[in-house]
Amino acid sequence: MRSLSIAIREWLLDKIRKSKFVAKTYCYLVVFYCENMAIERNCYEALTLLCNAMRRVPDLSVTNKCSLLAEKIIQDKCCSDGTMLPIEQNGLLTDFRKSHRYSVARGVFADEPEIDRLHLRHYRQASNAARQGNIIILKAPGSEVGEKGVMLLKYSPTFEQFPAIFDIASVTKEYRLVFEPSWYRNVESSLFLYSGLGITNVLQAAQNDDKVILESVTSSIRTVDLGSGDWIDIDEFCPTTNAKIYDVVMVASWAKFKRHKVLFKSLFELKKLGKALRVALIGYPMDMTKDDILDQAKEYHVDTFCEIFEQIPPSEVARITSASRMAVHLSKAEGTNKASYEALLCDVPLIIYKHNIGFRNNYINASTGVMADDNELAGAIEYVLANADSFSPRKWIVKQSGHKNATHKLNQALKEIALENGEPWTVDIVLKKNGPNFLYARDDDRMDLESAYYDLKTHLHK
């Protein structure tokens, strides 16, 4: 049943993205429902519907009415005479606590031991001490009066879970929050729960759409040009071999939206031309299994080309990726896909679906790879194989991305905000990376900041 609902949802989203008429109809129905029913019931629930529409519809001109109504709700609930209210008077936060979404969010970590709840993580027996949860503290509140700490929240659902567990008004007195979202457009209703007079938090926004939309509404959010893919350890993901075993590597969960079928169809086209390629498929189960993936490959008679690796550690991902001539990323819509950055750091050129929503298209250039529509993929694979020596992806990407560059960029943005607000800034944030979840790059930093997590007990909702 769950796989059927996912399939229906993906079908509807595809129609919304492809057809302007369908997108307009969808937005009209959302606005009509919110104006006539949802706002009266719960403004936060209504704002969530509007934000979902703004995330799902690619054309910003189509979502204009959604944006205007969202802004009206935010103004009514978070402001007085155009001036933002203190966070204690944020009406959206009040509505959220009355909503079903609050109960669901609060229940996610409700049964976890306190230390795990403080990290927003699920308990694991014999867990690695380095394992972080969905929050990571990058800087403890300073000894200087008014020097705020820095706390980073990962994954879009976390933005709603955090205020269900912690008192935001209390936390934001000591910390500036940074949001690292999951999706390809990040106008989340939960971000406005953090709005309050004198508060400036930071959203990592790799796509310009996020900045455009968020700057058109009243919020306490400043954007910084970063995505989750920018936090890869450049020393862990690097070329490990010059020997090429695989022609193509695809690192993608076993999920329909990853579109493995597009690759298999292209492999079949190349097979008819007498070209049998060797392909590495790296992934883990989602709404499909590895057997489902193999069945798809068998449909196109290319299963013998493919070698499957399931739930392997990052070091193995790096080894197999390095041993490949190219990587492919075929999702139609996704956030800053981590596997694509990993491939570039391993000095492997990348083929991206031409109409992808979410990936930084300017990261695909003469040095890093090519973009291709579905019917162009076979030709693109041939082109990359024939022109392998013309690409130098690692040389290009290490100047733009990686955990060291990302830490520096975020630190500079946070320092500027602090100084603009008249706050002291005497200590920089520590180095962090994604692997794929939060990790401290240096274990000494993890141990130094351990006590800061225990101090979060004072901010828990009773």
Protein backbone atom coordinates (compact mmCIF):
# COMPACT_ATOMS: atom_id res chain seq x y z
CA MET A 1 0.00 0.00 0.00
CA ARG A 2 2.83 2.40 0.88
CA SER A 3 4.60 1.77 -2.43
CA LEU A 4 1.30 2.41 -4.25
CA SER A 5 0.79 5.75 -2.47
CA ILE A 6 4.39 6.74 -3.29
CA ALA A 7 3.84 5.82 -6.93
CA ILE A 8 0.61 7.89 -7.09
CA ARG A 9 2.33 10.84 -5.41
CA GLU A 10 5.26 10.72 -7.84
CA TRP A 11 2.84 10.49 -10.79
CA LEU A 12 0.95 13.58 -9.59
CA LEU A 13 4.15 15.51 -8.96
CA ASP A 14 5.35 14.63 -12.45
CA LYS A 15 2.10 15.97 -13.93
CA ILE A 16 2.43 19.18 -11.90
CA ARG A 17 6.00 19.71 -13.11
CA LYS A 18 5.23 18.95 -16.76
CA SER A 19 1.92 20.74 -17.29
CA LYS A 20 1.41 24.43 -16.56
CA PHE A 21 -2.35 23.87 -16.68
CA VAL A 22 -2.18 21.12 -14.06
CA ALA A 23 0.16 23.25 -11.92
CA LYS A 24 -2.18 26.25 -12.13
CA THR A 25 -5.19 24.09 -11.25
CA TYR A 26 -3.34 22.59 -8.30
CA CYS A 27 -2.31 26.02 -6.97
CA TYR A 28 -5.82 27.40 -7.45
CA LEU A 29 -7.32 24.52 -5.45
CA VAL A 30 -4.75 24.93 -2.68
CA VAL A 31 -5.42 28.69 -2.37
CA PHE A 32 -9.20 28.16 -2.50
CA TYR A 33 -9.08 25.49 0.19
CA CYS A 34 -6.80 27.56 2.44
CA GLU A 35 -8.89 30.73 2.10
CA ASN A 36 -12.21 28.97 2.72
CA MET A 37 -11.37 26.22 5.20
CA ALA A 38 -7.78 25.66 6.27
CA ILE A 39 -7.00 29.13 7.68
CA GLU A 40 -10.02 29.01 9.98
CA ARG A 41 -8.97 25.63 11.32
CA ASN A 42 -5.25 26.23 11.79
CA CYS A 43 -3.05 28.84 10.13
CA TYR A 44 0.07 26.72 10.41
CA GLU A 45 -1.61 23.83 8.60
CA ALA A 46 -2.75 26.26 5.87
CA LEU A 47 0.76 27.71 5.53
CA THR A 48 2.12 24.17 5.17
CA LEU A 49 -0.22 23.48 2.22
CA LEU A 50 0.81 26.74 0.55
CA CYS A 51 4.53 26.11 1.08
CA ASN A 52 4.18 22.58 -0.30
CA ALA A 53 2.64 24.06 -3.45
CA MET A 54 5.49 26.57 -3.79
CA ARG A 55 8.02 23.75 -3.45
CA ARG A 56 6.35 21.45 -5.96
CA VAL A 57 5.60 23.83 -8.82
CA PRO A 58 8.73 24.82 -10.80
CA ASP A 59 7.30 28.05 -12.28
CA LEU A 60 7.34 30.81 -9.65
CA SER A 61 4.83 32.87 -11.65
CA VAL A 62 2.28 30.07 -11.22
CA THR A 63 2.69 30.04 -7.43
CA ASN A 64 2.29 33.81 -7.06
CA LYS A 65 -1.12 33.59 -5.36
CA CYS A 66 0.21 30.92 -2.98
CA SER A 67 3.10 33.23 -2.10
CA LEU A 68 0.81 36.22 -1.49
CA LEU A 69 -1.51 34.24 0.79
CA ALA A 70 1.46 32.73 2.65
CA GLU A 71 2.86 36.22 3.24
CA LYS A 72 -0.53 37.40 4.55
CA ILE A 73 -0.65 34.52 7.04
CA ILE A 74 2.91 35.24 8.19
CA GLN A 75 2.17 38.96 8.57
CA ASP A 76 -1.02 38.25 10.53
CA LYS A 77 0.62 35.72 12.84
CA CYS A 78 4.20 36.94 13.24
CA CYS A 79 3.97 40.73 12.86
CA SER A 80 2.18 43.78 14.18
CA ASP A 81 1.90 46.83 11.91
CA GLY A 82 4.60 45.35 9.69
CA THR A 83 7.07 44.85 12.55
CA MET A 84 8.03 41.35 13.58
CA LEU A 85 6.83 40.29 17.01
CA PRO A 86 9.08 38.66 19.62
CA ILE A 87 9.24 34.91 19.09
CA GLU A 88 7.21 34.35 22.28
CA GLN A 89 4.29 35.99 20.42
CA ASN A 90 4.75 34.03 17.16
CA GLY A 91 1.17 32.93 16.39
CA LEU A 92 2.32 30.26 13.95
CA LEU A 93 4.19 28.58 16.80
CA THR A 94 0.99 28.66 18.87
CA ASP A 95 -1.01 27.13 16.01
CA PHE A 96 1.67 24.51 15.42
CA ARG A 97 1.38 23.32 19.03
CA LYS A 98 -2.38 22.85 18.50
CA SER A 99 -1.93 20.90 15.26
CA HIS A 100 -1.72 17.21 14.49
CA ARG A 101 1.70 17.84 12.95
CA TYR A 102 3.00 18.84 16.41
CA SER A 103 1.91 15.52 17.93
CA VAL A 104 3.53 13.58 15.11
CA ALA A 105 6.77 15.59 15.32
CA ARG A 106 6.95 15.30 19.10
CA GLY A 107 6.49 11.54 18.94
CA VAL A 108 9.47 10.85 16.67
CA PHE A 109 12.03 10.95 19.51
CA ALA A 110 9.65 10.74 22.49
CA ASP A 111 10.73 7.26 23.57
CA GLU A 112 14.47 7.76 23.14
CA PRO A 113 16.85 8.05 26.11
CA GLU A 114 17.43 11.68 27.06
CA ILE A 115 20.97 11.87 25.66
CA ASP A 116 19.72 10.62 22.27
CA ARG A 117 16.76 13.00 22.36
CA LEU A 118 19.19 15.87 22.97
CA HIS A 119 21.00 14.86 19.77
CA LEU A 120 17.75 14.20 17.88
CA ARG A 121 18.89 10.68 17.08
CA HIS A 122 17.55 7.18 17.60
CA TYR A 123 19.21 4.91 20.13
CA ARG A 124 21.55 2.24 18.83
CA GLN A 125 23.17 -0.41 20.96
CA ALA A 126 26.97 -0.18 20.86
CA SER A 127 26.73 2.99 18.76
CA ASN A 128 29.88 4.64 17.45
CA ALA A 129 30.75 7.56 19.75
CA ALA A 130 31.33 9.78 16.71
CA ARG A 131 27.75 9.30 15.49
CA GLN A 132 25.77 12.52 15.66
CA GLY A 133 22.03 12.94 15.31
CA ASN A 134 20.04 15.45 13.28
CA ILE A 135 21.62 18.36 15.14
CA ILE A 136 25.26 19.24 15.52
CA ILE A 137 26.70 22.01 17.67
CA LEU A 138 29.45 23.84 15.81
CA LYS A 139 30.12 26.43 18.47
CA ALA A 140 29.13 26.58 22.13
CA PRO A 141 27.71 29.84 23.51
CA GLY A 142 30.65 32.08 24.34
CA SER A 143 31.91 33.41 27.62
CA GLU A 144 31.61 36.89 26.08
CA VAL A 145 28.23 38.42 26.94
CA GLY A 146 25.89 37.94 24.00
CA GLU A 147 28.16 35.64 21.97
CA LYS A 148 25.85 33.01 20.54
CA GLY A 149 26.67 29.43 19.83
CA VAL A 150 25.89 27.81 16.46
CA MET A 151 23.67 24.78 16.04
CA LEU A 152 23.00 23.13 12.68
CA LEU A 153 19.81 21.14 11.96
CA LYS A 154 19.85 18.54 9.18
CA TYR A 155 16.93 17.20 7.10
CA SER A 156 13.74 19.14 6.44
CA PRO A 157 11.50 17.06 8.80
CA THR A 158 13.88 18.02 11.64
CA PHE A 159 12.87 21.67 11.32
CA GLU A 160 9.42 20.67 12.59
CA GLN A 161 10.62 18.10 15.13
CA PHE A 162 13.02 20.51 16.84
CA PRO A 163 10.37 23.02 18.07
CA ALA A 164 8.20 20.11 19.21
CA ILE A 165 10.97 18.99 21.57
CA PHE A 166 12.86 22.19 22.41
CA ASP A 167 11.67 25.64 23.46
CA ILE A 168 12.78 27.75 20.47
CA ALA A 169 12.44 31.05 22.31
CA SER A 170 14.87 29.74 24.91
CA VAL A 171 17.29 28.12 22.44
CA THR A 172 17.56 31.18 20.18
CA LYS A 173 18.72 33.30 23.12
CA GLU A 174 21.89 31.17 23.22
CA TYR A 175 22.24 29.82 19.67
CA ARG A 176 22.02 30.92 16.07
CA LEU A 177 20.45 28.11 14.08
CA VAL A 178 21.50 26.89 10.64
CA PHE A 179 19.15 24.76 8.54
CA GLU A 180 20.48 22.12 6.11
CA PRO A 181 17.42 20.95 4.13
CA SER A 182 16.73 17.72 2.27
CA TRP A 183 14.72 18.80 -0.71
CA TYR A 184 15.15 20.56 -4.03
CA ARG A 185 13.17 23.65 -3.05
CA ASN A 186 13.08 24.61 0.59
CA VAL A 187 10.17 26.90 1.32
CA GLU A 188 9.21 24.99 4.46
CA SER A 189 6.38 26.23 6.68
CA SER A 190 8.44 25.06 9.67
CA LEU A 191 11.09 27.72 8.97
CA PHE A 192 8.62 30.43 9.97
CA LEU A 193 8.20 28.87 13.42
CA TYR A 194 11.63 30.34 14.19
CA SER A 195 10.66 33.92 13.25
CA GLY A 196 10.98 36.57 15.91
CA LEU A 197 12.16 40.11 16.51
CA GLY A 198 15.97 40.27 16.64
CA ILE A 199 16.48 36.67 15.45
CA THR A 200 18.53 35.89 12.34
CA ASN A 201 18.99 32.23 11.43
CA VAL A 202 20.58 30.78 8.29
CA LEU A 203 19.23 28.48 5.59
CA GLN A 204 21.64 26.65 3.33
CA ALA A 205 20.14 27.38 -0.10
CA ALA A 206 21.97 25.92 -3.06
CA GLN A 207 19.19 26.96 -5.47
CA ASN A 208 18.41 30.60 -6.16
CA ASP A 209 14.66 29.87 -5.99
CA ASP A 210 14.95 29.44 -2.22
CA LYS A 211 16.54 32.85 -1.85
CA VAL A 212 14.00 34.53 -4.17
CA ILE A 213 10.97 33.09 -2.37
CA LEU A 214 12.23 33.55 1.19
CA GLU A 215 13.29 37.13 0.54
CA SER A 216 9.78 37.90 -0.73
CA VAL A 217 8.17 37.00 2.62
CA THR A 218 8.77 38.14 6.18
CA SER A 219 11.05 35.79 8.07
CA SER A 220 14.10 35.59 10.32
CA ILE A 221 16.01 33.65 7.67
CA ARG A 222 19.19 34.65 5.85
CA THR A 223 20.33 32.37 3.02
CA VAL A 224 23.85 31.13 2.27
CA ASP A 225 24.87 29.45 -0.98
CA LEU A 226 25.46 25.92 0.35
CA GLY A 227 23.82 22.50 0.08
CA SER A 228 24.27 19.21 1.89
CA GLY A 229 26.45 17.93 -0.97
CA ASP A 230 29.01 20.65 -0.23
CA TRP A 231 29.99 19.02 3.08
CA ILE A 232 31.76 15.93 1.73
CA ASP A 233 35.18 15.13 3.16
CA ILE A 234 37.52 15.94 0.27
CA ASP A 235 40.23 13.74 1.77
CA GLU A 236 37.95 10.69 2.05
CA PHE A 237 36.46 11.10 -1.42
CA CYS A 238 39.45 11.39 -3.70
CA PRO A 239 40.92 9.26 -6.50
CA THR A 240 42.05 5.94 -5.03
CA THR A 241 43.13 4.24 -8.26
CA ASN A 242 43.97 4.98 -11.88
CA ALA A 243 42.64 1.59 -12.98
CA LYS A 244 39.14 1.78 -14.43
CA ILE A 245 37.05 -1.34 -13.81
CA TYR A 246 33.60 0.08 -14.53
CA ASP A 247 32.42 2.22 -17.41
CA VAL A 248 29.51 3.72 -15.44
CA VAL A 249 28.69 4.04 -11.75
CA MET A 250 25.27 5.02 -10.42
CA VAL A 251 25.07 5.72 -6.69
CA ALA A 252 21.37 5.96 -5.91
CA SER A 253 18.92 4.39 -3.49
CA TRP A 254 16.65 1.67 -4.85
CA ALA A 255 13.83 4.13 -5.52
CA LYS A 256 11.58 4.85 -8.49
CA PHE A 257 12.42 8.56 -8.56
CA LYS A 258 16.10 7.71 -9.15
CA ARG A 259 15.08 6.35 -12.59
CA HIS A 260 17.46 3.43 -13.04
CA LYS A 261 15.31 2.40 -16.02
CA VAL A 262 16.60 5.35 -18.04
CA LEU A 263 20.14 4.03 -17.63
CA PHE A 264 19.11 0.47 -18.54
CA LYS A 265 17.35 1.64 -21.68
CA SER A 266 20.48 3.53 -22.77
CA LEU A 267 22.66 0.51 -22.04
CA PHE A 268 20.34 -1.55 -24.26
CA GLU A 269 20.70 1.01 -27.07
CA LEU A 270 24.49 0.75 -26.78
CA LYS A 271 24.27 -3.04 -26.64
CA LYS A 272 22.50 -3.02 -30.03
CA LEU A 273 25.53 -1.11 -31.35
CA GLY A 274 27.78 -3.90 -30.09
CA LYS A 275 28.94 -2.09 -26.93
CA ALA A 276 28.74 -4.06 -23.70
CA LEU A 277 29.52 -1.77 -20.77
CA ARG A 278 30.36 -2.69 -17.21
CA VAL A 279 28.18 -0.88 -14.67
CA ALA A 280 28.37 -0.53 -10.87
CA LEU A 281 25.07 0.13 -9.07
CA ILE A 282 25.47 1.28 -5.46
CA GLY A 283 22.41 1.78 -3.28
CA TYR A 284 20.13 0.74 -0.46
CA PRO A 285 16.42 -0.21 -0.22
CA MET A 286 13.71 2.44 -0.31
CA ASP A 287 10.46 1.87 -2.18
CA MET A 288 12.29 -0.79 -4.22
CA THR A 289 14.74 -3.61 -3.52
CA LYS A 290 17.90 -4.64 -5.33
CA ASP A 291 15.90 -7.51 -6.86
CA ASP A 292 13.48 -4.94 -8.29
CA ILE A 293 16.43 -3.09 -9.80
CA LEU A 294 17.79 -6.30 -11.31
CA ASP A 295 14.35 -7.11 -12.72
CA GLN A 296 14.33 -3.73 -14.45
CA ALA A 297 17.78 -4.44 -15.89
CA LYS A 298 16.52 -7.83 -17.13
CA GLU A 299 13.64 -6.12 -18.95
CA TYR A 300 16.27 -4.44 -21.13
CA HIS A 301 18.57 -7.50 -21.26
CA VAL A 302 21.45 -5.65 -19.59
CA ASP A 303 21.46 -7.36 -16.17
CA THR A 304 24.72 -9.13 -17.06
CA PHE A 305 26.34 -5.70 -17.45
CA CYS A 306 25.52 -4.73 -13.86
CA GLU A 307 27.19 -5.41 -10.53
CA ILE A 308 25.18 -4.41 -7.46
CA PHE A 309 26.60 -3.15 -4.17
CA GLU A 310 24.15 -2.65 -1.32
CA GLN A 311 24.66 -0.64 1.88
CA ILE A 312 28.43 -0.44 1.61
CA PRO A 313 30.58 1.98 3.69
CA PRO A 314 31.74 5.35 2.31
CA SER A 315 35.29 4.05 1.77
CA GLU A 316 33.93 1.37 -0.59
CA VAL A 317 31.75 3.91 -2.38
CA ALA A 318 34.86 6.04 -2.95
CA ARG A 319 36.87 3.03 -4.19
CA ILE A 320 34.24 1.87 -6.68
CA THR A 321 33.47 5.39 -7.86
CA SER A 322 37.19 6.06 -8.44
CA ALA A 323 37.37 2.88 -10.50
CA SER A 324 34.64 4.13 -12.85
CA ARG A 325 34.94 6.16 -16.04
CA MET A 326 31.82 8.23 -15.35
CA ALA A 327 28.90 8.64 -12.94
CA VAL A 328 25.25 9.36 -13.72
CA HIS A 329 22.56 11.27 -11.81
CA LEU A 330 19.12 10.83 -13.40
CA SER A 331 16.56 12.12 -10.88
CA LYS A 332 14.10 14.67 -12.21
CA ALA A 333 13.95 16.55 -8.91
CA GLU A 334 16.23 16.20 -5.89
CA GLY A 335 18.36 18.28 -3.54
CA THR A 336 22.12 18.71 -3.85
CA ASN A 337 22.71 15.04 -4.57
CA LYS A 338 25.66 13.92 -2.46
CA ALA A 339 26.75 11.09 -4.77
CA SER A 340 27.26 13.54 -7.62
CA TYR A 341 29.67 15.65 -5.57
CA GLU A 342 31.45 12.48 -4.44
CA ALA A 343 31.99 11.45 -8.06
CA LEU A 344 33.48 14.83 -8.98
CA LEU A 345 35.79 14.70 -5.95
CA CYS A 346 36.92 11.23 -7.07
CA ASP A 347 37.85 12.86 -10.40
CA VAL A 348 35.05 11.07 -12.23
CA PRO A 349 33.05 13.07 -14.82
CA LEU A 350 29.32 13.26 -14.32
CA ILE A 351 26.26 13.02 -16.57
CA ILE A 352 23.21 14.85 -15.17
CA TYR A 353 19.61 14.70 -16.40
CA LYS A 354 19.23 17.91 -18.42
CA HIS A 355 15.99 19.12 -16.79
CA ASN A 356 16.87 18.22 -13.22
CA ILE A 357 15.41 20.48 -10.53
CA GLY A 358 17.67 20.89 -7.52
CA PHE A 359 21.20 20.23 -8.73
CA ARG A 360 23.45 23.22 -9.37
CA ASN A 361 23.52 23.13 -13.14
CA ASN A 362 26.52 25.48 -13.24
CA TYR A 363 28.53 22.68 -11.61
CA ILE A 364 28.31 20.81 -14.92
CA ASN A 365 30.71 22.35 -17.39
CA ALA A 366 33.56 21.47 -19.74
CA SER A 367 35.70 20.36 -16.78
CA THR A 368 33.15 18.28 -14.90
CA GLY A 369 30.77 16.52 -17.30
CA VAL A 370 27.72 16.87 -19.52
CA MET A 371 23.95 17.24 -19.28
CA ALA A 372 21.65 14.95 -21.24
CA ASP A 373 17.96 14.35 -21.80
CA ASP A 374 16.69 10.79 -21.52
CA ASN A 375 16.98 10.18 -25.26
CA GLU A 376 20.49 11.65 -25.25
CA LEU A 377 21.97 9.55 -22.47
CA ALA A 378 23.41 6.79 -24.66
CA GLY A 379 25.16 9.39 -26.81
CA ALA A 380 26.42 11.22 -23.73
CA ILE A 381 27.91 7.99 -22.37
CA GLU A 382 29.71 7.43 -25.67
CA TYR A 383 30.97 11.04 -25.65
CA VAL A 384 32.41 10.81 -22.13
CA LEU A 385 34.08 7.47 -22.91
CA ALA A 386 35.66 8.95 -26.03
CA ASN A 387 36.78 12.18 -24.35
CA ALA A 388 37.84 11.02 -20.90
CA ASP A 389 41.10 12.99 -20.98
CA SER A 390 39.29 16.31 -21.51
CA PHE A 391 37.70 16.32 -18.04
CA SER A 392 39.29 17.40 -14.75
CA PRO A 393 36.39 17.37 -12.28
CA ARG A 394 38.31 17.18 -9.01
CA LYS A 395 40.54 20.12 -9.88
CA TRP A 396 37.41 22.20 -10.51
CA ILE A 397 35.20 21.04 -7.62
CA VAL A 398 37.76 21.40 -4.80
CA LYS A 399 37.85 25.13 -5.50
CA GLN A 400 34.08 25.38 -5.10
CA SER A 401 32.98 22.76 -2.62
CA GLY A 402 34.02 20.20 0.00
CA HIS A 403 33.75 20.34 3.80
CA LYS A 404 36.61 22.79 4.29
CA ASN A 405 35.27 25.35 1.81
CA ALA A 406 31.74 24.90 3.17
CA THR A 407 32.85 25.44 6.79
CA HIS A 408 34.71 28.61 5.78
CA LYS A 409 31.73 29.98 3.80
CA LEU A 410 29.25 29.29 6.61
CA ASN A 411 31.61 30.74 9.22
CA GLN A 412 31.98 33.97 7.24
CA ALA A 413 28.20 34.31 6.87
CA LEU A 414 27.62 33.72 10.59
CA LYS A 415 30.35 36.14 11.59
CA GLU A 416 28.88 38.87 9.37
CA ILE A 417 25.41 38.36 10.87
CA ALA A 418 26.78 38.48 14.42
CA LEU A 419 28.70 41.70 13.81
CA GLU A 420 25.73 43.29 12.01
CA ASN A 421 23.61 42.56 15.10
CA GLY A 422 26.21 44.04 17.43
CA GLU A 423 27.13 40.63 18.86
CA PRO A 424 30.72 39.61 19.67
CA TRP A 425 32.46 36.97 17.54
CA THR A 426 35.62 35.65 19.18
CA VAL A 427 35.48 31.95 18.23
CA ASP A 428 34.92 30.38 14.80
CA ILE A 429 32.79 27.31 14.18
CA VAL A 430 34.47 23.90 14.11
CA LEU A 431 34.99 21.83 10.98
CA LYS A 432 32.14 19.43 10.18
CA LYS A 433 31.38 17.03 7.33
CA ASN A 434 28.57 14.80 6.07
CA GLY A 435 29.14 11.11 5.84
CA PRO A 436 26.18 11.10 4.90
CA ASN A 437 24.98 12.22 8.36
CA PHE A 438 26.65 14.83 10.56
CA LEU A 439 30.19 14.14 11.75
CA TYR A 440 32.86 16.28 13.37
CA ALA A 441 35.93 16.39 11.13
CA ARG A 442 38.16 16.37 14.23
CA ASP A 443 37.40 14.15 17.21
CA ASP A 444 38.87 16.71 19.62
CA ASP A 445 36.09 19.12 18.62
CA ARG A 446 33.47 16.46 19.29
CA MET A 447 34.78 15.86 22.78
CA ASP A 448 35.18 19.58 23.53
CA LEU A 449 31.55 20.24 22.58
CA GLU A 450 30.05 17.20 24.30
CA SER A 451 29.04 19.14 27.41
CA ALA A 452 27.08 21.62 25.26
CA TYR A 453 24.60 18.87 24.37
CA TYR A 454 23.98 18.12 28.06
CA ASP A 455 23.32 21.82 28.61
CA LEU A 456 20.47 21.63 26.09
CA LYS A 457 18.42 19.89 28.80
CA THR A 458 17.48 23.34 30.08
CA HIS A 459 15.74 24.02 26.73
CA LEU A 460 13.60 20.87 26.57
CA HIS A 461 9.83 21.27 26.68
CA LYS A 462 8.50 20.00 29.97
